[in-house]
PDB file of N, CA and C in Angstrom:
ATOM      1  N   UNK A   1       0.821  -1.192   0.012  1.00  0.00           N
ATOM      2  CA  UNK A   1       0.001   0.037  -0.048  1.00  0.00           C
ATOM      3  C   UNK A   1       0.861   1.199  -0.018  1.00  0.00           C
ATOM      4  N   UNK A   2       1.971   1.161   0.740  1.00  0.00           N
ATOM      5  CA  UNK A   2       2.911   2.305   0.734  1.00  0.00           C
ATOM      6  C   UNK A   2       3.494   2.585  -0.624  1.00  0.00           C
ATOM      7  N   UNK A   3       3.771   1.494  -1.402  1.00  0.00           N
ATOM      8  CA  UNK A   3       4.281   1.665  -2.751  1.00  0.00           C
ATOM      9  C   UNK A   3       3.233   2.347  -3.583  1.00  0.00           C
ATOM     10  N   UNK A   4       1.947   1.962  -3.477  1.00  0.00           N
ATOM     11  CA  UNK A   4       0.878   2.519  -4.319  1.00  0.00           C
ATOM     12  C   UNK A   4       0.635   3.960  -3.896  1.00  0.00           C
ATOM     13  N   UNK A   5       0.827   4.399  -2.704  1.00  0.00           N
ATOM     14  CA  UNK A   5       0.587   5.730  -2.276  1.00  0.00           C
ATOM     15  C   UNK A   5       1.749   6.669  -2.358  1.00  0.00           C
ATOM     16  N   UNK A   6       2.948   6.138  -2.538  1.00  0.00           N
ATOM     17  CA  UNK A   6       4.131   7.001  -2.565  1.00  0.00           C
ATOM     18  C   UNK A   6       4.340   7.629  -3.854  1.00  0.00           C
ATOM     19  N   UNK A   7       4.901   8.850  -3.787  1.00  0.00           N
ATOM     20  CA  UNK A   7       5.252   9.621  -4.976  1.00  0.00           C
ATOM     21  C   UNK A   7       6.724   9.832  -4.930  1.00  0.00           C
ATOM     22  N   UNK A   8       7.436   9.293  -4.000  1.00  0.00           N
ATOM     23  CA  UNK A   8       8.891   9.476  -3.795  1.00  0.00           C
ATOM     24  C   UNK A   8       9.629   8.211  -4.198  1.00  0.00           C
ATOM     25  N   UNK A   9      10.544   8.366  -5.156  1.00  0.00           N
ATOM     26  CA  UNK A   9      11.183   7.146  -5.692  1.00  0.00           C
ATOM     27  C   UNK A   9      11.995   6.329  -4.546  1.00  0.00           C
ATOM     28  N   UNK A  10      12.801   6.958  -3.740  1.00  0.00           N
ATOM     29  CA  UNK A  10      13.471   6.162  -2.680  1.00  0.00           C
ATOM     30  C   UNK A  10      12.436   5.408  -1.768  1.00  0.00           C
ATOM     31  N   UNK A  11      11.398   6.056  -1.401  1.00  0.00           N
ATOM     32  CA  UNK A  11      10.343   5.385  -0.524  1.00  0.00           C
ATOM     33  C   UNK A  11       9.778   4.196  -1.331  1.00  0.00           C
ATOM     34  N   UNK A  12       9.458   4.428  -2.583  1.00  0.00           N
ATOM     35  CA  UNK A  12       8.881   3.349  -3.369  1.00  0.00           C
ATOM     36  C   UNK A  12       9.784   2.163  -3.521  1.00  0.00           C
ATOM     37  N   UNK A  13      11.042   2.478  -3.839  1.00  0.00           N
ATOM     38  CA  UNK A  13      12.055   1.388  -3.917  1.00  0.00           C
ATOM     39  C   UNK A  13      12.219   0.674  -2.600  1.00  0.00           C
ATOM     40  N   UNK A  14      12.291   1.380  -1.510  1.00  0.00           N
ATOM     41  CA  UNK A  14      12.498   0.792  -0.181  1.00  0.00           C
ATOM     42  C   UNK A  14      11.231  -0.155   0.148  1.00  0.00           C
ATOM     43  N   UNK A  15      10.056   0.356  -0.217  1.00  0.00           N
ATOM     44  CA  UNK A  15       8.916  -0.482   0.088  1.00  0.00           C
ATOM     45  C   UNK A  15       8.858  -1.668  -0.688  1.00  0.00           C
ATOM     46  N   UNK A  16       9.311  -1.609  -2.002  1.00  0.00           N
ATOM     47  CA  UNK A  16       9.375  -2.763  -2.839  1.00  0.00           C
ATOM     48  C   UNK A  16      10.488  -3.787  -2.340  1.00  0.00           C
ATOM     49  N   UNK A  17      11.601  -3.245  -1.832  1.00  0.00           N
ATOM     50  CA  UNK A  17      12.586  -4.124  -1.273  1.00  0.00           C
ATOM     51  C   UNK A  17      12.166  -4.858  -0.055  1.00  0.00           C
ATOM     52  N   UNK A  18      11.485  -4.179   0.864  1.00  0.00           N
ATOM     53  CA  UNK A  18      10.870  -4.774   1.987  1.00  0.00           C
ATOM     54  C   UNK A  18       9.819  -5.787   1.583  1.00  0.00           C
ATOM     55  N   UNK A  19       8.985  -5.456   0.738  1.00  0.00           N
ATOM     56  CA  UNK A  19       7.955  -6.429   0.220  1.00  0.00           C
ATOM     57  C   UNK A  19       8.587  -7.664  -0.415  1.00  0.00           C
ATOM     58  N   UNK A  20       9.653  -7.511  -1.147  1.00  0.00           N
ATOM     59  CA  UNK A  20      10.307  -8.695  -1.790  1.00  0.00           C
ATOM     60  C   UNK A  20      10.984  -9.437  -0.732  1.00  0.00           C
ATOM     61  N   UNK A  21      11.633  -8.856   0.245  1.00  0.00           N
ATOM     62  CA  UNK A  21      12.301  -9.668   1.302  1.00  0.00           C
ATOM     63  C   UNK A  21      11.202 -10.462   2.177  1.00  0.00           C
ATOM     64  N   UNK A  22      10.130  -9.760   2.382  1.00  0.00           N
ATOM     65  CA  UNK A  22       9.040 -10.469   3.203  1.00  0.00           C
ATOM     66  C   UNK A  22       8.487 -11.577   2.396  1.00  0.00           C
ATOM     67  N   UNK A  23       8.278 -11.367   1.132  1.00  0.00           N
ATOM     68  CA  UNK A  23       7.676 -12.420   0.239  1.00  0.00           C
ATOM     69  C   UNK A  23       8.644 -13.677   0.218  1.00  0.00           C
ATOM     70  N   UNK A  24       9.956 -13.408   0.078  1.00  0.00           N
ATOM     71  CA  UNK A  24      10.924 -14.513   0.045  1.00  0.00           C
ATOM     72  C   UNK A  24      10.889 -15.231   1.378  1.00  0.00           C
ATOM     73  N   UNK A  25      10.955 -14.477   2.449  1.00  0.00           N
ATOM     74  CA  UNK A  25      10.877 -15.128   3.748  1.00  0.00           C
ATOM     75  C   UNK A  25       9.603 -15.954   3.978  1.00  0.00           C
ATOM     76  N   UNK A  26       8.449 -15.388   3.620  1.00  0.00           N
ATOM     77  CA  UNK A  26       7.218 -16.124   3.615  1.00  0.00           C
ATOM     78  C   UNK A  26       7.267 -17.394   2.826  1.00  0.00           C
ATOM     79  N   UNK A  27       7.868 -17.388   1.657  1.00  0.00           N
ATOM     80  CA  UNK A  27       7.832 -18.502   0.732  1.00  0.00           C
ATOM     81  C   UNK A  27       8.733 -19.583   1.460  1.00  0.00           C
ATOM     82  N   UNK A  28       9.846 -19.202   1.958  1.00  0.00           N
ATOM     83  CA  UNK A  28      10.764 -20.209   2.643  1.00  0.00           C
ATOM     84  C   UNK A  28      10.008 -20.844   3.788  1.00  0.00           C
ATOM     85  N   UNK A  29       9.318 -20.024   4.598  1.00  0.00           N
ATOM     86  CA  UNK A  29       8.556 -20.618   5.741  1.00  0.00           C
ATOM     87  C   UNK A  29       7.444 -21.540   5.179  1.00  0.00           C
ATOM     88  N   UNK A  30       6.705 -21.118   4.219  1.00  0.00           N
ATOM     89  CA  UNK A  30       5.648 -21.993   3.616  1.00  0.00           C
ATOM     90  C   UNK A  30       6.191 -23.277   3.102  1.00  0.00           C
ATOM     91  N   UNK A  31       7.248 -23.242   2.301  1.00  0.00           N
ATOM     92  CA  UNK A  31       7.803 -24.506   1.774  1.00  0.00           C
ATOM     93  C   UNK A  31       8.430 -25.362   2.885  1.00  0.00           C
ATOM     94  N   UNK A  32       9.011 -24.723   3.867  1.00  0.00           N
ATOM     95  CA  UNK A  32       9.539 -25.563   5.035  1.00  0.00           C
ATOM     96  C   UNK A  32       8.459 -26.214   5.780  1.00  0.00           C
ATOM     97  N   UNK A  33       7.383 -25.486   6.094  1.00  0.00           N
ATOM     98  CA  UNK A  33       6.236 -26.076   6.796  1.00  0.00           C
ATOM     99  C   UNK A  33       5.602 -27.241   5.977  1.00  0.00           C
ATOM    100  N   UNK A  34       5.509 -27.078   4.725  1.00  0.00           N
ATOM    101  CA  UNK A  34       4.979 -28.145   3.895  1.00  0.00           C
ATOM    102  C   UNK A  34       5.848 -29.406   4.068  1.00  0.00           C
ATOM    103  N   UNK A  35       7.160 -29.224   3.998  1.00  0.00           N
ATOM    104  CA  UNK A  35       8.100 -30.352   4.071  1.00  0.00           C
ATOM    105  C   UNK A  35       8.145 -30.948   5.420  1.00  0.00           C
ATOM    106  N   UNK A  36       8.141 -30.106   6.470  1.00  0.00           N
ATOM    107  CA  UNK A  36       8.366 -30.629   7.837  1.00  0.00           C
ATOM    108  C   UNK A  36       7.015 -31.271   8.337  1.00  0.00           C
ATOM    109  N   UNK A  37       5.894 -30.714   8.004  1.00  0.00           N
ATOM    110  CA  UNK A  37       4.635 -31.152   8.634  1.00  0.00           C
ATOM    111  C   UNK A  37       3.853 -32.161   7.773  1.00  0.00           C
ATOM    112  N   UNK A  38       4.328 -32.572   6.690  1.00  0.00           N
ATOM    113  CA  UNK A  38       3.658 -33.535   5.821  1.00  0.00           C
ATOM    114  C   UNK A  38       4.167 -34.927   6.115  1.00  0.00           C
ATOM    115  N   UNK A  39       3.276 -35.899   6.416  1.00  0.00           N
ATOM    116  CA  UNK A  39       3.799 -37.267   6.611  1.00  0.00           C
ATOM    117  C   UNK A  39       4.611 -37.764   5.514  1.00  0.00           C
ATOM    118  N   UNK A  40       5.558 -38.573   5.716  1.00  0.00           N
ATOM    119  CA  UNK A  40       6.549 -39.071   4.682  1.00  0.00           C
ATOM    120  C   UNK A  40       5.777 -39.722   3.477  1.00  0.00           C
ATOM    121  N   UNK A  41       4.732 -40.525   3.770  1.00  0.00           N
ATOM    122  CA  UNK A  41       4.092 -41.128   2.739  1.00  0.00           C
ATOM    123  C   UNK A  41       3.341 -40.268   1.702  1.00  0.00           C
ATOM    124  N   UNK A  42       3.038 -39.052   2.215  1.00  0.00           N
ATOM    125  CA  UNK A  42       2.253 -38.109   1.303  1.00  0.00           C
ATOM    126  C   UNK A  42       3.059 -37.013   0.910  1.00  0.00           C
ATOM    127  N   UNK A  43       4.364 -36.848   1.255  1.00  0.00           N
ATOM    128  CA  UNK A  43       5.204 -35.675   0.979  1.00  0.00           C
ATOM    129  C   UNK A  43       5.264 -35.389  -0.548  1.00  0.00           C
ATOM    130  N   UNK A  44       5.408 -36.380  -1.414  1.00  0.00           N
ATOM    131  CA  UNK A  44       5.508 -36.091  -2.785  1.00  0.00           C
ATOM    132  C   UNK A  44       4.264 -35.487  -3.397  1.00  0.00           C
ATOM    133  N   UNK A  45       3.124 -36.086  -3.019  1.00  0.00           N
ATOM    134  CA  UNK A  45       1.824 -35.577  -3.505  1.00  0.00           C
ATOM    135  C   UNK A  45       1.509 -34.224  -3.033  1.00  0.00           C
ATOM    136  N   UNK A  46       1.791 -33.960  -1.726  1.00  0.00           N
ATOM    137  CA  UNK A  46       1.535 -32.652  -1.151  1.00  0.00           C
ATOM    138  C   UNK A  46       2.484 -31.631  -1.794  1.00  0.00           C
ATOM    139  N   UNK A  47       3.712 -32.015  -1.933  1.00  0.00           N
ATOM    140  CA  UNK A  47       4.640 -31.050  -2.557  1.00  0.00           C
ATOM    141  C   UNK A  47       4.256 -30.678  -3.966  1.00  0.00           C
ATOM    142  N   UNK A  48       3.822 -31.695  -4.714  1.00  0.00           N
ATOM    143  CA  UNK A  48       3.343 -31.449  -6.118  1.00  0.00           C
ATOM    144  C   UNK A  48       2.079 -30.535  -6.123  1.00  0.00           C
ATOM    145  N   UNK A  49       1.180 -30.755  -5.277  1.00  0.00           N
ATOM    146  CA  UNK A  49      -0.033 -29.892  -5.255  1.00  0.00           C
ATOM    147  C   UNK A  49       0.382 -28.484  -4.765  1.00  0.00           C
ATOM    148  N   UNK A  50       1.313 -28.427  -3.832  1.00  0.00           N
ATOM    149  CA  UNK A  50       1.770 -27.113  -3.416  1.00  0.00           C
ATOM    150  C   UNK A  50       2.486 -26.336  -4.514  1.00  0.00           C
ATOM    151  N   UNK A  51       3.239 -27.021  -5.286  1.00  0.00           N
ATOM    152  CA  UNK A  51       3.977 -26.457  -6.465  1.00  0.00           C
ATOM    153  C   UNK A  51       2.968 -25.942  -7.481  1.00  0.00           C
ATOM    154  N   UNK A  52       1.941 -26.685  -7.797  1.00  0.00           N
ATOM    155  CA  UNK A  52       0.929 -26.297  -8.760  1.00  0.00           C
ATOM    156  C   UNK A  52       0.210 -25.062  -8.256  1.00  0.00           C
ATOM    157  N   UNK A  53      -0.144 -25.042  -6.976  1.00  0.00           N
ATOM    158  CA  UNK A  53      -0.894 -23.870  -6.394  1.00  0.00           C
ATOM    159  C   UNK A  53       0.006 -22.630  -6.442  1.00  0.00           C
ATOM    160  N   UNK A  54       1.270 -22.754  -5.920  1.00  0.00           N
ATOM    161  CA  UNK A  54       2.058 -21.568  -5.868  1.00  0.00           C
ATOM    162  C   UNK A  54       2.481 -21.093  -7.243  1.00  0.00           C
ATOM    163  N   UNK A  55       2.711 -22.094  -8.200  1.00  0.00           N
ATOM    164  CA  UNK A  55       3.081 -21.742  -9.500  1.00  0.00           C
ATOM    165  C   UNK A  55       1.980 -21.014 -10.226  1.00  0.00           C
ATOM    166  N   UNK A  56       0.707 -21.405 -10.064  1.00  0.00           N
ATOM    167  CA  UNK A  56      -0.312 -20.780 -10.824  1.00  0.00           C
ATOM    168  C   UNK A  56      -0.802 -19.531 -10.099  1.00  0.00           C
ATOM    169  N   UNK A  57      -0.419 -19.326  -8.814  1.00  0.00           N
ATOM    170  CA  UNK A  57      -0.875 -18.095  -8.101  1.00  0.00           C
ATOM    171  C   UNK A  57      -0.308 -16.824  -8.728  1.00  0.00           C
ATOM    172  N   UNK A  58       0.884 -16.869  -9.222  1.00  0.00           N
ATOM    173  CA  UNK A  58       1.424 -15.661  -9.772  1.00  0.00           C
ATOM    174  C   UNK A  58       0.723 -15.214 -11.022  1.00  0.00           C
ATOM    175  N   UNK A  59       0.395 -16.223 -11.896  1.00  0.00           N
ATOM    176  CA  UNK A  59      -0.363 -15.849 -13.091  1.00  0.00           C
ATOM    177  C   UNK A  59      -1.722 -15.348 -12.770  1.00  0.00           C
ATOM    178  N   UNK A  60      -2.426 -15.983 -11.818  1.00  0.00           N
ATOM    179  CA  UNK A  60      -3.741 -15.573 -11.458  1.00  0.00           C
ATOM    180  C   UNK A  60      -3.731 -14.166 -10.857  1.00  0.00           C
ATOM    181  N   UNK A  61      -2.672 -13.951 -10.013  1.00  0.00           N
ATOM    182  CA  UNK A  61      -2.552 -12.686  -9.396  1.00  0.00           C
ATOM    183  C   UNK A  61      -2.190 -11.600 -10.410  1.00  0.00           C
ATOM    184  N   UNK A  62      -1.414 -11.903 -11.430  1.00  0.00           N
ATOM    185  CA  UNK A  62      -1.172 -10.898 -12.402  1.00  0.00           C
ATOM    186  C   UNK A  62      -2.432 -10.512 -13.256  1.00  0.00           C
ATOM    187  N   UNK A  63      -3.161 -11.561 -13.496  1.00  0.00           N
ATOM    188  CA  UNK A  63      -4.508 -11.300 -14.232  1.00  0.00           C
ATOM    189  C   UNK A  63      -5.382 -10.464 -13.347  1.00  0.00           C
ATOM    190  N   UNK A  64      -5.555 -10.805 -12.095  1.00  0.00           N
ATOM    191  CA  UNK A  64      -6.432 -10.067 -11.254  1.00  0.00           C
ATOM    192  C   UNK A  64      -5.924  -8.697 -11.082  1.00  0.00           C
ATOM    193  N   UNK A  65      -4.663  -8.446 -10.947  1.00  0.00           N
ATOM    194  CA  UNK A  65      -4.104  -7.020 -10.789  1.00  0.00           C
ATOM    195  C   UNK A  65      -4.388  -6.270 -12.064  1.00  0.00           C
ATOM    196  N   UNK A  66      -4.181  -6.894 -13.239  1.00  0.00           N
ATOM    197  CA  UNK A  66      -4.469  -6.233 -14.504  1.00  0.00           C
ATOM    198  C   UNK A  66      -5.892  -5.758 -14.666  1.00  0.00           C
ATOM    199  N   UNK A  67      -6.856  -6.684 -14.267  1.00  0.00           N
ATOM    200  CA  UNK A  67      -8.239  -6.362 -14.371  1.00  0.00           C
ATOM    201  C   UNK A  67      -8.605  -5.326 -13.387  1.00  0.00           C
ATOM    202  N   UNK A  68      -8.129  -5.351 -12.169  1.00  0.00           N
ATOM    203  CA  UNK A  68      -8.418  -4.364 -11.194  1.00  0.00           C
ATOM    204  C   UNK A  68      -7.870  -2.967 -11.581  1.00  0.00           C
ATOM    205  N   UNK A  69      -6.641  -2.968 -12.114  1.00  0.00           N
ATOM    206  CA  UNK A  69      -6.072  -1.674 -12.624  1.00  0.00           C
ATOM    207  C   UNK A  69      -6.878  -1.124 -13.779  1.00  0.00           C
ATOM    208  N   UNK A  70      -7.368  -2.000 -14.650  1.00  0.00           N
ATOM    209  CA  UNK A  70      -8.130  -1.484 -15.728  1.00  0.00           C
ATOM    210  C   UNK A  70      -9.510  -0.923 -15.254  1.00  0.00           C
ATOM    211  N   UNK A  71     -10.087  -1.519 -14.204  1.00  0.00           N
ATOM    212  CA  UNK A  71     -11.351  -1.084 -13.740  1.00  0.00           C
ATOM    213  C   UNK A  71     -11.208   0.214 -12.836  1.00  0.00           C
ATOM    214  N   UNK A  72     -10.177   0.230 -11.988  1.00  0.00           N
ATOM    215  CA  UNK A  72     -10.147   1.324 -10.915  1.00  0.00           C
ATOM    216  C   UNK A  72      -8.994   2.251 -11.112  1.00  0.00           C
ATOM    217  N   UNK A  73      -7.977   1.918 -11.928  1.00  0.00           N
ATOM    218  CA  UNK A  73      -6.754   2.641 -12.034  1.00  0.00           C
ATOM    219  C   UNK A  73      -5.638   1.958 -11.313  1.00  0.00           C
ATOM    220  N   UNK A  74      -4.367   2.330 -11.634  1.00  0.00           N
ATOM    221  CA  UNK A  74      -3.250   1.571 -11.099  1.00  0.00           C
ATOM    222  C   UNK A  74      -3.089   1.829  -9.560  1.00  0.00           C
ATOM    223  N   UNK A  75      -3.105   3.090  -9.179  1.00  0.00           N
ATOM    224  CA  UNK A  75      -2.938   3.328  -7.697  1.00  0.00           C
ATOM    225  C   UNK A  75      -3.970   2.700  -6.852  1.00  0.00           C
ATOM    226  N   UNK A  76      -5.278   2.865  -7.169  1.00  0.00           N
ATOM    227  CA  UNK A  76      -6.317   2.194  -6.376  1.00  0.00           C
ATOM    228  C   UNK A  76      -6.110   0.638  -6.425  1.00  0.00           C
ATOM    229  N   UNK A  77      -5.725   0.043  -7.525  1.00  0.00           N
ATOM    230  CA  UNK A  77      -5.529  -1.411  -7.618  1.00  0.00           C
ATOM    231  C   UNK A  77      -4.449  -1.767  -6.683  1.00  0.00           C
ATOM    232  N   UNK A  78      -3.353  -1.084  -6.652  1.00  0.00           N
ATOM    233  CA  UNK A  78      -2.244  -1.415  -5.701  1.00  0.00           C
ATOM    234  C   UNK A  78      -2.695  -1.334  -4.265  1.00  0.00           C
ATOM    235  N   UNK A  79      -3.340  -0.292  -3.928  1.00  0.00           N
ATOM    236  CA  UNK A  79      -3.860  -0.126  -2.565  1.00  0.00           C
ATOM    237  C   UNK A  79      -4.875  -1.169  -2.183  1.00  0.00           C
ATOM    238  N   UNK A  80      -5.819  -1.451  -3.122  1.00  0.00           N
ATOM    239  CA  UNK A  80      -6.816  -2.468  -2.892  1.00  0.00           C
ATOM    240  C   UNK A  80      -6.195  -3.832  -2.675  1.00  0.00           C
ATOM    241  N   UNK A  81      -5.103  -4.084  -3.542  1.00  0.00           N
ATOM    242  CA  UNK A  81      -4.405  -5.320  -3.461  1.00  0.00           C
ATOM    243  C   UNK A  81      -3.680  -5.548  -2.097  1.00  0.00           C
ATOM    244  N   UNK A  82      -3.130  -4.412  -1.555  1.00  0.00           N
ATOM    245  CA  UNK A  82      -2.525  -4.446  -0.227  1.00  0.00           C
ATOM    246  C   UNK A  82      -3.589  -4.740   0.816  1.00  0.00           C
ATOM    247  N   UNK A  83      -4.681  -3.991   0.719  1.00  0.00           N
ATOM    248  CA  UNK A  83      -5.778  -4.215   1.727  1.00  0.00           C
ATOM    249  C   UNK A  83      -6.286  -5.638   1.665  1.00  0.00           C
ATOM    250  N   UNK A  84      -6.526  -6.142   0.412  1.00  0.00           N
ATOM    251  CA  UNK A  84      -6.995  -7.514   0.223  1.00  0.00           C
ATOM    252  C   UNK A  84      -5.964  -8.535   0.785  1.00  0.00           C
ATOM    253  N   UNK A  85      -4.714  -8.283   0.637  1.00  0.00           N
ATOM    254  CA  UNK A  85      -3.714  -9.182   1.172  1.00  0.00           C
ATOM    255  C   UNK A  85      -3.787  -9.230   2.750  1.00  0.00           C
ATOM    256  N   UNK A  86      -3.858  -8.065   3.299  1.00  0.00           N
ATOM    257  CA  UNK A  86      -4.051  -7.991   4.839  1.00  0.00           C
ATOM    258  C   UNK A  86      -5.300  -8.643   5.243  1.00  0.00           C
ATOM    259  N   UNK A  87      -6.387  -8.495   4.502  1.00  0.00           N
ATOM    260  CA  UNK A  87      -7.628  -9.149   4.906  1.00  0.00           C
ATOM    261  C   UNK A  87      -7.517 -10.767   4.761  1.00  0.00           C
ATOM    262  N   UNK A  88      -6.986 -11.196   3.714  1.00  0.00           N
ATOM    263  CA  UNK A  88      -6.783 -12.637   3.543  1.00  0.00           C
ATOM    264  C   UNK A  88      -5.862 -13.233   4.624  1.00  0.00           C
ATOM    265  N   UNK A  89      -4.787 -12.475   4.908  1.00  0.00           N
ATOM    266  CA  UNK A  89      -3.847 -12.935   6.018  1.00  0.00           C
ATOM    267  C   UNK A  89      -4.546 -12.996   7.325  1.00  0.00           C
ATOM    268  N   UNK A  90      -5.292 -11.963   7.635  1.00  0.00           N
ATOM    269  CA  UNK A  90      -6.111 -11.958   8.852  1.00  0.00           C
ATOM    270  C   UNK A  90      -7.088 -13.023   8.963  1.00  0.00           C
ATOM    271  N   UNK A  91      -7.798 -13.303   7.877  1.00  0.00           N
ATOM    272  CA  UNK A  91      -8.811 -14.367   7.764  1.00  0.00           C
ATOM    273  C   UNK A  91      -8.191 -15.736   8.050  1.00  0.00           C
ATOM    274  N   UNK A  92      -6.984 -15.999   7.285  1.00  0.00           N
ATOM    275  CA  UNK A  92      -6.298 -17.262   7.596  1.00  0.00           C
ATOM    276  C   UNK A  92      -5.793 -17.413   9.006  1.00  0.00           C
ATOM    277  N   UNK A  93      -5.306 -16.279   9.543  1.00  0.00           N
ATOM    278  CA  UNK A  93      -4.838 -16.418  10.985  1.00  0.00           C
ATOM    279  C   UNK A  93      -6.040 -16.683  11.940  1.00  0.00           C
ATOM    280  N   UNK A  94      -7.190 -16.008  11.664  1.00  0.00           N
ATOM    281  CA  UNK A  94      -8.378 -16.350  12.438  1.00  0.00           C
ATOM    282  C   UNK A  94      -8.887 -17.708  12.281  1.00  0.00           C
ATOM    283  N   UNK A  95      -9.005 -18.225  11.075  1.00  0.00           N
ATOM    284  CA  UNK A  95      -9.514 -19.537  10.762  1.00  0.00           C
ATOM    285  C   UNK A  95      -8.608 -20.725  11.068  1.00  0.00           C
ATOM    286  N   UNK A  96      -7.301 -20.447  11.111  1.00  0.00           N
ATOM    287  CA  UNK A  96      -6.316 -21.499  11.327  1.00  0.00           C
ATOM    288  C   UNK A  96      -5.467 -21.190  12.633  1.00  0.00           C
ATOM    289  N   UNK A  97      -5.982 -21.256  13.843  1.00  0.00           N
ATOM    290  CA  UNK A  97      -5.190 -21.025  15.018  1.00  0.00           C
ATOM    291  C   UNK A  97      -4.000 -21.858  15.205  1.00  0.00           C
ATOM    292  N   UNK A  98      -4.081 -23.084  14.662  1.00  0.00           N
ATOM    293  CA  UNK A  98      -2.890 -23.943  14.791  1.00  0.00           C
ATOM    294  C   UNK A  98      -1.668 -23.419  14.118  1.00  0.00           C
ATOM    295  N   UNK A  99      -1.916 -22.719  12.991  1.00  0.00           N
ATOM    296  CA  UNK A  99      -0.855 -22.101  12.267  1.00  0.00           C
ATOM    297  C   UNK A  99      -0.183 -20.917  13.031  1.00  0.00           C
ATOM    298  N   UNK A 100      -0.999 -20.191  13.824  1.00  0.00           N
ATOM    299  CA  UNK A 100      -0.506 -19.148  14.656  1.00  0.00           C
ATOM    300  C   UNK A 100       0.391 -19.632  15.735  1.00  0.00           C
ATOM    301  N   UNK A 101       0.203 -20.940  16.138  1.00  0.00           N
ATOM    302  CA  UNK A 101       0.906 -21.533  17.266  1.00  0.00           C
ATOM    303  C   UNK A 101       2.248 -22.148  16.850  1.00  0.00           C
ATOM    304  N   UNK A 102       2.441 -22.241  15.492  1.00  0.00           N
ATOM    305  CA  UNK A 102       3.751 -22.805  15.036  1.00  0.00           C
ATOM    306  C   UNK A 102       4.816 -21.806  15.223  1.00  0.00           C
ATOM    307  N   UNK A 103       5.710 -22.138  16.206  1.00  0.00           N
ATOM    308  CA  UNK A 103       6.804 -21.212  16.486  1.00  0.00           C
ATOM    309  C   UNK A 103       8.206 -21.833  16.306  1.00  0.00           C
ATOM    310  N   UNK A 104       8.195 -23.182  16.011  1.00  0.00           N
ATOM    311  CA  UNK A 104       9.467 -23.830  15.756  1.00  0.00           C
ATOM    312  C   UNK A 104       9.222 -24.815  14.657  1.00  0.00           C
ATOM    313  N   UNK A 105      10.295 -25.040  13.865  1.00  0.00           N
ATOM    314  CA  UNK A 105      10.147 -26.010  12.715  1.00  0.00           C
ATOM    315  C   UNK A 105      10.738 -27.371  13.001  1.00  0.00           C
ATOM    316  N   UNK A 106      11.029 -27.629  14.393  1.00  0.00           N
ATOM    317  CA  UNK A 106      11.615 -28.934  14.676  1.00  0.00           C
ATOM    318  C   UNK A 106      10.529 -29.948  15.250  1.00  0.00           C
ATOM    319  N   UNK A 107       9.315 -29.474  15.168  1.00  0.00           N
ATOM    320  CA  UNK A 107       8.173 -30.351  15.610  1.00  0.00           C
ATOM    321  C   UNK A 107       6.988 -30.048  14.716  1.00  0.00           C
ATOM    322  N   UNK A 108       6.086 -31.068  14.720  1.00  0.00           N
ATOM    323  CA  UNK A 108       4.852 -30.907  13.834  1.00  0.00           C
ATOM    324  C   UNK A 108       3.829 -30.107  14.609  1.00  0.00           C
ATOM    325  N   UNK A 109       2.977 -29.326  13.864  1.00  0.00           N
ATOM    326  CA  UNK A 109       1.904 -28.646  14.417  1.00  0.00           C
ATOM    327  C   UNK A 109       0.945 -29.802  14.989  1.00  0.00           C
ATOM    328  N   UNK A 110       0.131 -29.473  16.076  1.00  0.00           N
ATOM    329  CA  UNK A 110      -0.654 -30.449  16.745  1.00  0.00           C
ATOM    330  C   UNK A 110      -1.655 -31.105  15.778  1.00  0.00           C
ATOM    331  N   UNK A 111      -2.334 -30.434  14.926  1.00  0.00           N
ATOM    332  CA  UNK A 111      -3.332 -31.082  14.078  1.00  0.00           C
ATOM    333  C   UNK A 111      -2.654 -32.011  13.099  1.00  0.00           C
ATOM    334  N   UNK A 112      -1.487 -31.669  12.611  1.00  0.00           N
ATOM    335  CA  UNK A 112      -0.849 -32.521  11.642  1.00  0.00           C
ATOM    336  C   UNK A 112      -0.347 -33.824  12.281  1.00  0.00           C
ATOM    337  N   UNK A 113       0.250 -33.637  13.543  1.00  0.00           N
ATOM    338  CA  UNK A 113       0.731 -34.765  14.247  1.00  0.00           C
ATOM    339  C   UNK A 113      -0.437 -35.742  14.570  1.00  0.00           C
ATOM    340  N   UNK A 114      -1.629 -35.166  14.935  1.00  0.00           N
ATOM    341  CA  UNK A 114      -2.749 -36.064  15.214  1.00  0.00           C
ATOM    342  C   UNK A 114      -3.252 -36.680  13.967  1.00  0.00           C
ATOM    343  N   UNK A 115      -3.267 -36.026  12.874  1.00  0.00           N
ATOM    344  CA  UNK A 115      -3.711 -36.618  11.595  1.00  0.00           C
ATOM    345  C   UNK A 115      -2.727 -37.707  11.043  1.00  0.00           C
ATOM    346  N   UNK A 116      -1.467 -37.507  11.353  1.00  0.00           N
ATOM    347  CA  UNK A 116      -0.483 -38.524  10.905  1.00  0.00           C
ATOM    348  C   UNK A 116      -0.592 -39.762  11.823  1.00  0.00           C
ATOM    349  N   UNK A 117      -0.843 -39.535  13.057  1.00  0.00           N
ATOM    350  CA  UNK A 117      -0.985 -40.689  14.008  1.00  0.00           C
ATOM    351  C   UNK A 117      -2.261 -41.462  13.641  1.00  0.00           C
ATOM    352  N   UNK A 118      -3.364 -40.839  13.306  1.00  0.00           N
ATOM    353  CA  UNK A 118      -4.598 -41.553  12.991  1.00  0.00           C
ATOM    354  C   UNK A 118      -4.455 -42.246  11.651  1.00  0.00           C
ATOM    355  N   UNK A 119      -3.744 -41.674  10.687  1.00  0.00           N
ATOM    356  CA  UNK A 119      -3.514 -42.288   9.373  1.00  0.00           C
ATOM    357  C   UNK A 119      -2.669 -43.509   9.415  1.00  0.00           C
ATOM    358  N   UNK A 120      -1.737 -43.548  10.414  1.00  0.00           N
ATOM    359  CA  UNK A 120      -0.929 -44.687  10.580  1.00  0.00           C
ATOM    360  C   UNK A 120      -1.626 -45.879  11.238  1.00  0.00           C
ATOM    361  N   UNK A 121      -2.776 -45.579  11.927  1.00  0.00           N
ATOM    362  CA  UNK A 121      -3.572 -46.619  12.540  1.00  0.00           C
ATOM    363  C   UNK A 121      -4.318 -47.551  11.634  1.00  0.00           C
TER     364      UNK A 121
END
């Protein structure tokens, strides 16, 4: 949102740098959680599904951004995209409290450990 509202080049570049770093960190955490918390027998399938979803998300996001920019203009599209991202992140955090409790990657989240235990039975 800062990038969309900024008219100053250094501020815009700094906001994009922070956004890129946060996106990279989020991707690393996401990929690590998928690998660590998926039972061994399902890891290949889950990783493949994850790759398809994350690979197609960029193209769908680009399409959505282009349509939104065509309808509302570039700056409102960027700001709406930021607000939408915050809303989706908040919704996921609210709907998935077990993800909020993941603070270490050396153990499985409670719901995954329970599911893996019941699948092994």
